[in-house]
Amino acid sequence: MHGQHATSCSTQGSPQSMGVHNYMEQLVFDGIRLHATASGMDGDSREDVACIALNQLAPRYIRHDVDMAFYMTSAEQELLEERVALALDDAVARVHSMPRRS
């Protein structure tokens, strides 16, 4: 039986091809689009903001976004959004303080 389970639950392929993704990435990307300062930055700067913010947040790996909506209370969702907003504010400040290379 154990062998059957291992065969049916293959780990081959990338996480994206398996449907696994970090829920926090979408929250950060959405936050960047809505952030007054970050939304006006060039693409490289926005990517820097995303990386810095994501490195401050604990990853939440899921298969389907609906999983998070189903298992989180509204208070937990608000807390997650607040953490993302704080991480984005910090990331934007850091990117603005970095000298840009040409």
Foldseek 3Di string as FASTA:
>chain_A
DVVVVPVVDDPPDDCVVVQKDFPVLVLLVVVLCVDPQSVPDDPVLVVQLSVQLVVVDDTDIDRDPVVCVVPDDPVRVVVSNVSSNVSSVVSNVVSVPDDDDD
